[in-house]
Amino acid sequence: MNQLAQQLRHFISDNFLFGAEADFADDDSLIGAGIIDSTGVLELIAHLEEEHHIALDDTDLVPENLDSIGNLVRFIEAKLAAIAVPALCPPG
């Protein structure tokens, strides 16, 4: 498990499972498994924006991005890569 997945599990465990072991697979649905609800999704979004310094648009708020650890890792890595690319390409 990569470091980002571990950090997300820790956040979910602390904030939604009240410190209990996060015993689910990386591809399990967080909503379907009852781990987070719609209010929890909002808290998760706020955490992602603050912790990873990324901005989420309305178009980002889909299960394909947010409903499992695996989806979250892929989504965050893609957002961070998109931020890094313009920084590596000097203007003009």
PDB file of N, CA and C in Angstrom:
ATOM      1  N   MET A   1       0.862  -1.187   0.000  1.00  0.00           N
ATOM      2  CA  MET A   1       0.000   0.000   0.000  1.00  0.00           C
ATOM      3  C   MET A   1       0.899   1.238   0.000  1.00  0.00           C
ATOM      4  N   ASN A   2       0.575   2.173  -0.873  1.00  0.00           N
ATOM      5  CA  ASN A   2       1.429   3.358  -0.942  1.00  0.00           C
ATOM      6  C   ASN A   2       1.115   4.331   0.203  1.00  0.00           C
ATOM      7  N   GLN A   3       1.988   5.309   0.351  1.00  0.00           N
ATOM      8  CA  GLN A   3       1.886   6.252   1.470  1.00  0.00           C
ATOM      9  C   GLN A   3       0.589   7.059   1.420  1.00  0.00           C
ATOM     10  N   LEU A   4       0.163   7.475   0.245  1.00  0.00           N
ATOM     11  CA  LEU A   4      -1.068   8.240   0.109  1.00  0.00           C
ATOM     12  C   LEU A   4      -2.267   7.414   0.560  1.00  0.00           C
ATOM     13  N   ALA A   5      -2.306   6.150   0.173  1.00  0.00           N
ATOM     14  CA  ALA A   5      -3.402   5.266   0.603  1.00  0.00           C
ATOM     15  C   ALA A   5      -3.394   5.117   2.126  1.00  0.00           C
ATOM     16  N   GLN A   6      -2.218   4.985   2.716  1.00  0.00           N
ATOM     17  CA  GLN A   6      -2.123   4.876   4.178  1.00  0.00           C
ATOM     18  C   GLN A   6      -2.619   6.148   4.853  1.00  0.00           C
ATOM     19  N   GLN A   7      -2.258   7.311   4.317  1.00  0.00           N
ATOM     20  CA  GLN A   7      -2.712   8.577   4.891  1.00  0.00           C
ATOM     21  C   GLN A   7      -4.234   8.691   4.812  1.00  0.00           C
ATOM     22  N   LEU A   8      -4.803   8.290   3.688  1.00  0.00           N
ATOM     23  CA  LEU A   8      -6.262   8.346   3.529  1.00  0.00           C
ATOM     24  C   LEU A   8      -6.946   7.394   4.502  1.00  0.00           C
ATOM     25  N   ARG A   9      -6.416   6.188   4.659  1.00  0.00           N
ATOM     26  CA  ARG A   9      -6.984   5.232   5.623  1.00  0.00           C
ATOM     27  C   ARG A   9      -6.940   5.799   7.041  1.00  0.00           C
ATOM     28  N   HIS A  10      -5.828   6.441   7.373  1.00  0.00           N
ATOM     29  CA  HIS A  10      -5.684   7.033   8.705  1.00  0.00           C
ATOM     30  C   HIS A  10      -6.735   8.135   8.904  1.00  0.00           C
ATOM     31  N   PHE A  11      -6.909   9.005   7.913  1.00  0.00           N
ATOM     32  CA  PHE A  11      -7.910  10.066   8.002  1.00  0.00           C
ATOM     33  C   PHE A  11      -9.310   9.471   8.156  1.00  0.00           C
ATOM     34  N   ILE A  12      -9.633   8.475   7.361  1.00  0.00           N
ATOM     35  CA  ILE A  12     -10.957   7.844   7.419  1.00  0.00           C
ATOM     36  C   ILE A  12     -11.167   7.166   8.753  1.00  0.00           C
ATOM     37  N   SER A  13     -10.160   6.473   9.231  1.00  0.00           N
ATOM     38  CA  SER A  13     -10.256   5.800  10.527  1.00  0.00           C
ATOM     39  C   SER A  13     -10.490   6.797  11.653  1.00  0.00           C
ATOM     40  N   ASP A  14      -9.730   7.874  11.659  1.00  0.00           N
ATOM     41  CA  ASP A  14      -9.848   8.876  12.723  1.00  0.00           C
ATOM     42  C   ASP A  14     -11.161   9.648  12.674  1.00  0.00           C
ATOM     43  N   ASN A  15     -11.631   9.961  11.474  1.00  0.00           N
ATOM     44  CA  ASN A  15     -12.770  10.859  11.346  1.00  0.00           C
ATOM     45  C   ASN A  15     -14.119  10.180  11.156  1.00  0.00           C
ATOM     46  N   PHE A  16     -14.120   8.963  10.635  1.00  0.00           N
ATOM     47  CA  PHE A  16     -15.399   8.311  10.346  1.00  0.00           C
ATOM     48  C   PHE A  16     -15.588   7.005  11.109  1.00  0.00           C
ATOM     49  N   LEU A  17     -14.485   6.388  11.518  1.00  0.00           N
ATOM     50  CA  LEU A  17     -14.576   5.124  12.259  1.00  0.00           C
ATOM     51  C   LEU A  17     -14.169   5.314  13.715  1.00  0.00           C
ATOM     52  N   PHE A  18     -13.934   6.552  14.105  1.00  0.00           N
ATOM     53  CA  PHE A  18     -13.601   6.927  15.484  1.00  0.00           C
ATOM     54  C   PHE A  18     -12.431   6.122  16.029  1.00  0.00           C
ATOM     55  N   GLY A  19     -11.398   5.988  15.184  1.00  0.00           N
ATOM     56  CA  GLY A  19     -10.170   5.325  15.588  1.00  0.00           C
ATOM     57  C   GLY A  19     -10.163   3.823  15.413  1.00  0.00           C
ATOM     58  N   ALA A  20     -11.286   3.230  15.008  1.00  0.00           N
ATOM     59  CA  ALA A  20     -11.334   1.781  14.791  1.00  0.00           C
ATOM     60  C   ALA A  20     -10.511   1.427  13.560  1.00  0.00           C
ATOM     61  N   GLU A  21     -10.098   0.195  13.486  1.00  0.00           N
ATOM     62  CA  GLU A  21      -9.333  -0.298  12.347  1.00  0.00           C
ATOM     63  C   GLU A  21     -10.124  -0.119  11.057  1.00  0.00           C
ATOM     64  N   ALA A  22      -9.471   0.428  10.047  1.00  0.00           N
ATOM     65  CA  ALA A  22     -10.101   0.612   8.732  1.00  0.00           C
ATOM     66  C   ALA A  22      -9.973  -0.695   7.963  1.00  0.00           C
ATOM     67  N   ASP A  23     -10.915  -1.624   8.194  1.00  0.00           N
ATOM     68  CA  ASP A  23     -10.845  -2.976   7.653  1.00  0.00           C
ATOM     69  C   ASP A  23     -11.700  -3.105   6.389  1.00  0.00           C
ATOM     70  N   PHE A  24     -11.162  -2.611   5.268  1.00  0.00           N
ATOM     71  CA  PHE A  24     -11.837  -2.718   3.986  1.00  0.00           C
ATOM     72  C   PHE A  24     -10.782  -2.640   2.893  1.00  0.00           C
ATOM     73  N   ALA A  25     -11.120  -3.155   1.740  1.00  0.00           N
ATOM     74  CA  ALA A  25     -10.179  -3.164   0.614  1.00  0.00           C
ATOM     75  C   ALA A  25     -10.101  -1.786  -0.035  1.00  0.00           C
ATOM     76  N   ASP A  26      -9.017  -1.535  -0.740  1.00  0.00           N
ATOM     77  CA  ASP A  26      -8.822  -0.241  -1.392  1.00  0.00           C
ATOM     78  C   ASP A  26      -9.896   0.063  -2.433  1.00  0.00           C
ATOM     79  N   ASP A  27     -10.509  -0.960  -2.995  1.00  0.00           N
ATOM     80  CA  ASP A  27     -11.525  -0.734  -4.018  1.00  0.00           C
ATOM     81  C   ASP A  27     -12.951  -0.853  -3.486  1.00  0.00           C
ATOM     82  N   ASP A  28     -13.122  -1.043  -2.174  1.00  0.00           N
ATOM     83  CA  ASP A  28     -14.464  -1.070  -1.577  1.00  0.00           C
ATOM     84  C   ASP A  28     -15.071   0.327  -1.591  1.00  0.00           C
ATOM     85  N   SER A  29     -16.362   0.394  -1.878  1.00  0.00           N
ATOM     86  CA  SER A  29     -17.074   1.670  -1.868  1.00  0.00           C
ATOM     87  C   SER A  29     -17.192   2.181  -0.434  1.00  0.00           C
ATOM     88  N   LEU A  30     -16.709   3.392  -0.197  1.00  0.00           N
ATOM     89  CA  LEU A  30     -16.787   3.981   1.139  1.00  0.00           C
ATOM     90  C   LEU A  30     -18.237   4.278   1.519  1.00  0.00           C
ATOM     91  N   ILE A  31     -19.029   4.699   0.554  1.00  0.00           N
ATOM     92  CA  ILE A  31     -20.437   4.987   0.822  1.00  0.00           C
ATOM     93  C   ILE A  31     -21.225   3.688   0.911  1.00  0.00           C
ATOM     94  N   GLY A  32     -21.006   2.790  -0.028  1.00  0.00           N
ATOM     95  CA  GLY A  32     -21.715   1.513  -0.044  1.00  0.00           C
ATOM     96  C   GLY A  32     -21.467   0.679   1.202  1.00  0.00           C
ATOM     97  N   ALA A  33     -20.270   0.771   1.758  1.00  0.00           N
ATOM     98  CA  ALA A  33     -19.921   0.023   2.968  1.00  0.00           C
ATOM     99  C   ALA A  33     -20.384   0.737   4.234  1.00  0.00           C
ATOM    100  N   GLY A  34     -20.978   1.933   4.077  1.00  0.00           N
ATOM    101  CA  GLY A  34     -21.453   2.674   5.239  1.00  0.00           C
ATOM    102  C   GLY A  34     -20.351   3.344   6.037  1.00  0.00           C
ATOM    103  N   ILE A  35     -19.197   3.517   5.433  1.00  0.00           N
ATOM    104  CA  ILE A  35     -18.072   4.132   6.133  1.00  0.00           C
ATOM    105  C   ILE A  35     -18.241   5.648   6.189  1.00  0.00           C
ATOM    106  N   ILE A  36     -18.680   6.235   5.080  1.00  0.00           N
ATOM    107  CA  ILE A  36     -18.975   7.663   5.073  1.00  0.00           C
ATOM    108  C   ILE A  36     -20.351   7.887   4.448  1.00  0.00           C
ATOM    109  N   ASP A  37     -20.943   9.013   4.794  1.00  0.00           N
ATOM    110  CA  ASP A  37     -22.233   9.393   4.220  1.00  0.00           C
ATOM    111  C   ASP A  37     -22.035  10.688   3.431  1.00  0.00           C
ATOM    112  N   SER A  38     -23.114  11.294   2.992  1.00  0.00           N
ATOM    113  CA  SER A  38     -22.989  12.497   2.159  1.00  0.00           C
ATOM    114  C   SER A  38     -22.290  13.638   2.896  1.00  0.00           C
ATOM    115  N   THR A  39     -22.532  13.770   4.177  1.00  0.00           N
ATOM    116  CA  THR A  39     -21.839  14.788   4.965  1.00  0.00           C
ATOM    117  C   THR A  39     -20.354  14.441   5.078  1.00  0.00           C
ATOM    118  N   GLY A  40     -20.068  13.167   5.205  1.00  0.00           N
ATOM    119  CA  GLY A  40     -18.685  12.715   5.256  1.00  0.00           C
ATOM    120  C   GLY A  40     -17.938  13.011   3.974  1.00  0.00           C
ATOM    121  N   VAL A  41     -18.633  12.923   2.846  1.00  0.00           N
ATOM    122  CA  VAL A  41     -18.008  13.249   1.569  1.00  0.00           C
ATOM    123  C   VAL A  41     -17.561  14.712   1.575  1.00  0.00           C
ATOM    124  N   LEU A  42     -18.386  15.583   2.122  1.00  0.00           N
ATOM    125  CA  LEU A  42     -18.014  17.000   2.206  1.00  0.00           C
ATOM    126  C   LEU A  42     -16.778  17.193   3.081  1.00  0.00           C
ATOM    127  N   GLU A  43     -16.722  16.470   4.191  1.00  0.00           N
ATOM    128  CA  GLU A  43     -15.557  16.542   5.070  1.00  0.00           C
ATOM    129  C   GLU A  43     -14.316  16.000   4.363  1.00  0.00           C
ATOM    130  N   LEU A  44     -14.488  14.930   3.616  1.00  0.00           N
ATOM    131  CA  LEU A  44     -13.386  14.349   2.851  1.00  0.00           C
ATOM    132  C   LEU A  44     -12.877  15.343   1.810  1.00  0.00           C
ATOM    133  N   ILE A  45     -13.775  16.002   1.113  1.00  0.00           N
ATOM    134  CA  ILE A  45     -13.395  16.999   0.106  1.00  0.00           C
ATOM    135  C   ILE A  45     -12.587  18.131   0.751  1.00  0.00           C
ATOM    136  N   ALA A  46     -13.064  18.633   1.878  1.00  0.00           N
ATOM    137  CA  ALA A  46     -12.352  19.701   2.581  1.00  0.00           C
ATOM    138  C   ALA A  46     -10.946  19.237   2.985  1.00  0.00           C
ATOM    139  N   HIS A  47     -10.848  18.005   3.439  1.00  0.00           N
ATOM    140  CA  HIS A  47      -9.551  17.444   3.823  1.00  0.00           C
ATOM    141  C   HIS A  47      -8.617  17.376   2.612  1.00  0.00           C
ATOM    142  N   LEU A  48      -9.110  16.884   1.490  1.00  0.00           N
ATOM    143  CA  LEU A  48      -8.282  16.764   0.285  1.00  0.00           C
ATOM    144  C   LEU A  48      -7.770  18.125  -0.162  1.00  0.00           C
ATOM    145  N   GLU A  49      -8.653  19.120  -0.154  1.00  0.00           N
ATOM    146  CA  GLU A  49      -8.250  20.459  -0.585  1.00  0.00           C
ATOM    147  C   GLU A  49      -7.212  21.054   0.350  1.00  0.00           C
ATOM    148  N   GLU A  50      -7.383  20.857   1.627  1.00  0.00           N
ATOM    149  CA  GLU A  50      -6.456  21.429   2.607  1.00  0.00           C
ATOM    150  C   GLU A  50      -5.145  20.657   2.668  1.00  0.00           C
ATOM    151  N   GLU A  51      -5.228  19.359   2.755  1.00  0.00           N
ATOM    152  CA  GLU A  51      -4.045  18.517   2.945  1.00  0.00           C
ATOM    153  C   GLU A  51      -3.162  18.463   1.700  1.00  0.00           C
ATOM    154  N   HIS A  52      -3.774  18.417   0.528  1.00  0.00           N
ATOM    155  CA  HIS A  52      -3.015  18.219  -0.702  1.00  0.00           C
ATOM    156  C   HIS A  52      -2.944  19.474  -1.572  1.00  0.00           C
ATOM    157  N   HIS A  53      -3.541  20.561  -1.086  1.00  0.00           N
ATOM    158  CA  HIS A  53      -3.495  21.849  -1.788  1.00  0.00           C
ATOM    159  C   HIS A  53      -4.001  21.731  -3.226  1.00  0.00           C
ATOM    160  N   ILE A  54      -5.148  21.056  -3.348  1.00  0.00           N
ATOM    161  CA  ILE A  54      -5.786  20.923  -4.650  1.00  0.00           C
ATOM    162  C   ILE A  54      -7.187  21.521  -4.561  1.00  0.00           C
ATOM    163  N   ALA A  55      -7.669  21.998  -5.687  1.00  0.00           N
ATOM    164  CA  ALA A  55      -9.031  22.529  -5.746  1.00  0.00           C
ATOM    165  C   ALA A  55      -9.896  21.531  -6.497  1.00  0.00           C
ATOM    166  N   LEU A  56     -11.036  21.213  -5.921  1.00  0.00           N
ATOM    167  CA  LEU A  56     -11.964  20.305  -6.569  1.00  0.00           C
ATOM    168  C   LEU A  56     -13.104  21.108  -7.184  1.00  0.00           C
ATOM    169  N   ASP A  57     -13.368  20.837  -8.442  1.00  0.00           N
ATOM    170  CA  ASP A  57     -14.483  21.453  -9.148  1.00  0.00           C
ATOM    171  C   ASP A  57     -15.707  20.556  -8.996  1.00  0.00           C
ATOM    172  N   ASP A  58     -16.873  21.097  -9.320  1.00  0.00           N
ATOM    173  CA  ASP A  58     -18.096  20.294  -9.273  1.00  0.00           C
ATOM    174  C   ASP A  58     -17.979  19.051 -10.141  1.00  0.00           C
ATOM    175  N   THR A  59     -17.275  19.155 -11.252  1.00  0.00           N
ATOM    176  CA  THR A  59     -17.129  18.004 -12.153  1.00  0.00           C
ATOM    177  C   THR A  59     -16.259  16.903 -11.549  1.00  0.00           C
ATOM    178  N   ASP A  60     -15.480  17.224 -10.507  1.00  0.00           N
ATOM    179  CA  ASP A  60     -14.630  16.241  -9.833  1.00  0.00           C
ATOM    180  C   ASP A  60     -15.408  15.401  -8.825  1.00  0.00           C
ATOM    181  N   LEU A  61     -16.591  15.867  -8.439  1.00  0.00           N
ATOM    182  CA  LEU A  61     -17.329  15.257  -7.338  1.00  0.00           C
ATOM    183  C   LEU A  61     -18.193  14.101  -7.827  1.00  0.00           C
ATOM    184  N   VAL A  62     -17.520  13.053  -8.284  1.00  0.00           N
ATOM    185  CA  VAL A  62     -18.186  11.853  -8.778  1.00  0.00           C
ATOM    186  C   VAL A  62     -17.591  10.632  -8.086  1.00  0.00           C
ATOM    187  N   PRO A  63     -18.363   9.553  -7.976  1.00  0.00           N
ATOM    188  CA  PRO A  63     -17.862   8.344  -7.312  1.00  0.00           C
ATOM    189  C   PRO A  63     -16.555   7.818  -7.920  1.00  0.00           C
ATOM    190  N   GLU A  64     -16.388   7.989  -9.222  1.00  0.00           N
ATOM    191  CA  GLU A  64     -15.165   7.504  -9.863  1.00  0.00           C
ATOM    192  C   GLU A  64     -13.914   8.155  -9.266  1.00  0.00           C
ATOM    193  N   ASN A  65     -14.069   9.278  -8.605  1.00  0.00           N
ATOM    194  CA  ASN A  65     -12.941   9.962  -7.976  1.00  0.00           C
ATOM    195  C   ASN A  65     -12.881   9.780  -6.464  1.00  0.00           C
ATOM    196  N   LEU A  66     -14.021   9.641  -5.821  1.00  0.00           N
ATOM    197  CA  LEU A  66     -14.068   9.793  -4.365  1.00  0.00           C
ATOM    198  C   LEU A  66     -14.595   8.605  -3.571  1.00  0.00           C
ATOM    199  N   ASP A  67     -15.049   7.534  -4.205  1.00  0.00           N
ATOM    200  CA  ASP A  67     -15.787   6.513  -3.463  1.00  0.00           C
ATOM    201  C   ASP A  67     -14.979   5.310  -3.005  1.00  0.00           C
ATOM    202  N   SER A  68     -13.673   5.342  -3.156  1.00  0.00           N
ATOM    203  CA  SER A  68     -12.840   4.262  -2.621  1.00  0.00           C
ATOM    204  C   SER A  68     -11.432   4.808  -2.417  1.00  0.00           C
ATOM    205  N   ILE A  69     -10.652   4.104  -1.648  1.00  0.00           N
ATOM    206  CA  ILE A  69      -9.261   4.505  -1.435  1.00  0.00           C
ATOM    207  C   ILE A  69      -8.525   4.494  -2.780  1.00  0.00           C
ATOM    208  N   GLY A  70      -8.722   3.453  -3.562  1.00  0.00           N
ATOM    209  CA  GLY A  70      -8.062   3.360  -4.858  1.00  0.00           C
ATOM    210  C   GLY A  70      -8.426   4.517  -5.769  1.00  0.00           C
ATOM    211  N   ASN A  71      -9.717   4.841  -5.835  1.00  0.00           N
ATOM    212  CA  ASN A  71     -10.159   5.976  -6.656  1.00  0.00           C
ATOM    213  C   ASN A  71      -9.569   7.281  -6.145  1.00  0.00           C
ATOM    214  N   LEU A  72      -9.552   7.459  -4.844  1.00  0.00           N
ATOM    215  CA  LEU A  72      -8.997   8.679  -4.260  1.00  0.00           C
ATOM    216  C   LEU A  72      -7.514   8.833  -4.587  1.00  0.00           C
ATOM    217  N   VAL A  73      -6.764   7.748  -4.462  1.00  0.00           N
ATOM    218  CA  VAL A  73      -5.329   7.801  -4.748  1.00  0.00           C
ATOM    219  C   VAL A  73      -5.103   8.198  -6.202  1.00  0.00           C
ATOM    220  N   ARG A  74      -5.792   7.546  -7.128  1.00  0.00           N
ATOM    221  CA  ARG A  74      -5.631   7.871  -8.550  1.00  0.00           C
ATOM    222  C   ARG A  74      -6.028   9.334  -8.827  1.00  0.00           C
ATOM    223  N   PHE A  75      -7.125   9.769  -8.234  1.00  0.00           N
ATOM    224  CA  PHE A  75      -7.611  11.127  -8.438  1.00  0.00           C
ATOM    225  C   PHE A  75      -6.618  12.160  -7.908  1.00  0.00           C
ATOM    226  N   ILE A  76      -6.150  11.974  -6.678  1.00  0.00           N
ATOM    227  CA  ILE A  76      -5.213  12.926  -6.072  1.00  0.00           C
ATOM    228  C   ILE A  76      -3.907  12.966  -6.863  1.00  0.00           C
ATOM    229  N   GLU A  77      -3.397  11.797  -7.229  1.00  0.00           N
ATOM    230  CA  GLU A  77      -2.150  11.758  -7.999  1.00  0.00           C
ATOM    231  C   GLU A  77      -2.312  12.475  -9.337  1.00  0.00           C
ATOM    232  N   ALA A  78      -3.463  12.314  -9.995  1.00  0.00           N
ATOM    233  CA  ALA A  78      -3.707  13.003 -11.265  1.00  0.00           C
ATOM    234  C   ALA A  78      -3.791  14.516 -11.056  1.00  0.00           C
ATOM    235  N   LYS A  79      -4.477  14.942  -9.995  1.00  0.00           N
ATOM    236  CA  LYS A  79      -4.582  16.378  -9.707  1.00  0.00           C
ATOM    237  C   LYS A  79      -3.205  16.969  -9.421  1.00  0.00           C
ATOM    238  N   LEU A  80      -2.407  16.275  -8.623  1.00  0.00           N
ATOM    239  CA  LEU A  80      -1.069  16.772  -8.292  1.00  0.00           C
ATOM    240  C   LEU A  80      -0.175  16.811  -9.526  1.00  0.00           C
ATOM    241  N   ALA A  81      -0.301  15.829 -10.399  1.00  0.00           N
ATOM    242  CA  ALA A  81       0.483  15.804 -11.631  1.00  0.00           C
ATOM    243  C   ALA A  81       0.090  16.968 -12.534  1.00  0.00           C
ATOM    244  N   ALA A  82      -1.189  17.277 -12.587  1.00  0.00           N
ATOM    245  CA  ALA A  82      -1.666  18.384 -13.419  1.00  0.00           C
ATOM    246  C   ALA A  82      -1.138  19.723 -12.906  1.00  0.00           C
ATOM    247  N   ILE A  83      -0.979  19.822 -11.597  1.00  0.00           N
ATOM    248  CA  ILE A  83      -0.427  21.050 -11.013  1.00  0.00           C
ATOM    249  C   ILE A  83       1.068  21.145 -11.306  1.00  0.00           C
ATOM    250  N   ALA A  84       1.776  20.028 -11.259  1.00  0.00           N
ATOM    251  CA  ALA A  84       3.230  20.009 -11.428  1.00  0.00           C
ATOM    252  C   ALA A  84       3.652  20.285 -12.864  1.00  0.00           C
ATOM    253  N   VAL A  85       2.865  19.849 -13.836  1.00  0.00           N
ATOM    254  CA  VAL A  85       3.254  20.011 -15.239  1.00  0.00           C
ATOM    255  C   VAL A  85       3.425  21.465 -15.628  1.00  0.00           C
ATOM    256  N   PRO A  86       2.481  22.366 -15.348  1.00  0.00           N
ATOM    257  CA  PRO A  86       2.709  23.775 -15.718  1.00  0.00           C
ATOM    258  C   PRO A  86       3.923  24.370 -15.019  1.00  0.00           C
ATOM    259  N   ALA A  87       4.220  23.916 -13.811  1.00  0.00           N
ATOM    260  CA  ALA A  87       5.372  24.451 -13.080  1.00  0.00           C
ATOM    261  C   ALA A  87       6.683  24.044 -13.754  1.00  0.00           C
ATOM    262  N   LEU A  88       6.679  22.906 -14.451  1.00  0.00           N
ATOM    263  CA  LEU A  88       7.890  22.432 -15.113  1.00  0.00           C
ATOM    264  C   LEU A  88       8.090  23.060 -16.483  1.00  0.00           C
ATOM    265  N   CYS A  89       7.053  23.626 -17.057  1.00  0.00           N
ATOM    266  CA  CYS A  89       7.122  24.212 -18.399  1.00  0.00           C
ATOM    267  C   CYS A  89       7.174  25.736 -18.282  1.00  0.00           C
ATOM    268  N   PRO A  90       8.346  26.316 -18.509  1.00  0.00           N
ATOM    269  CA  PRO A  90       8.443  27.779 -18.414  1.00  0.00           C
ATOM    270  C   PRO A  90       7.615  28.443 -19.526  1.00  0.00           C
ATOM    271  N   PRO A  91       7.054  29.608 -19.236  1.00  0.00           N
ATOM    272  CA  PRO A  91       6.246  30.302 -20.243  1.00  0.00           C
ATOM    273  C   PRO A  91       7.099  30.761 -21.425  1.00  0.00           C
ATOM    274  N   GLY A  92       6.460  30.766 -22.616  1.00  0.00           N
ATOM    275  CA  GLY A  92       7.003  31.307 -23.834  1.00  0.00           C
ATOM    276  C   GLY A  92       8.268  30.744 -24.239  1.00  0.00           C
TER     277      GLY A  92
END
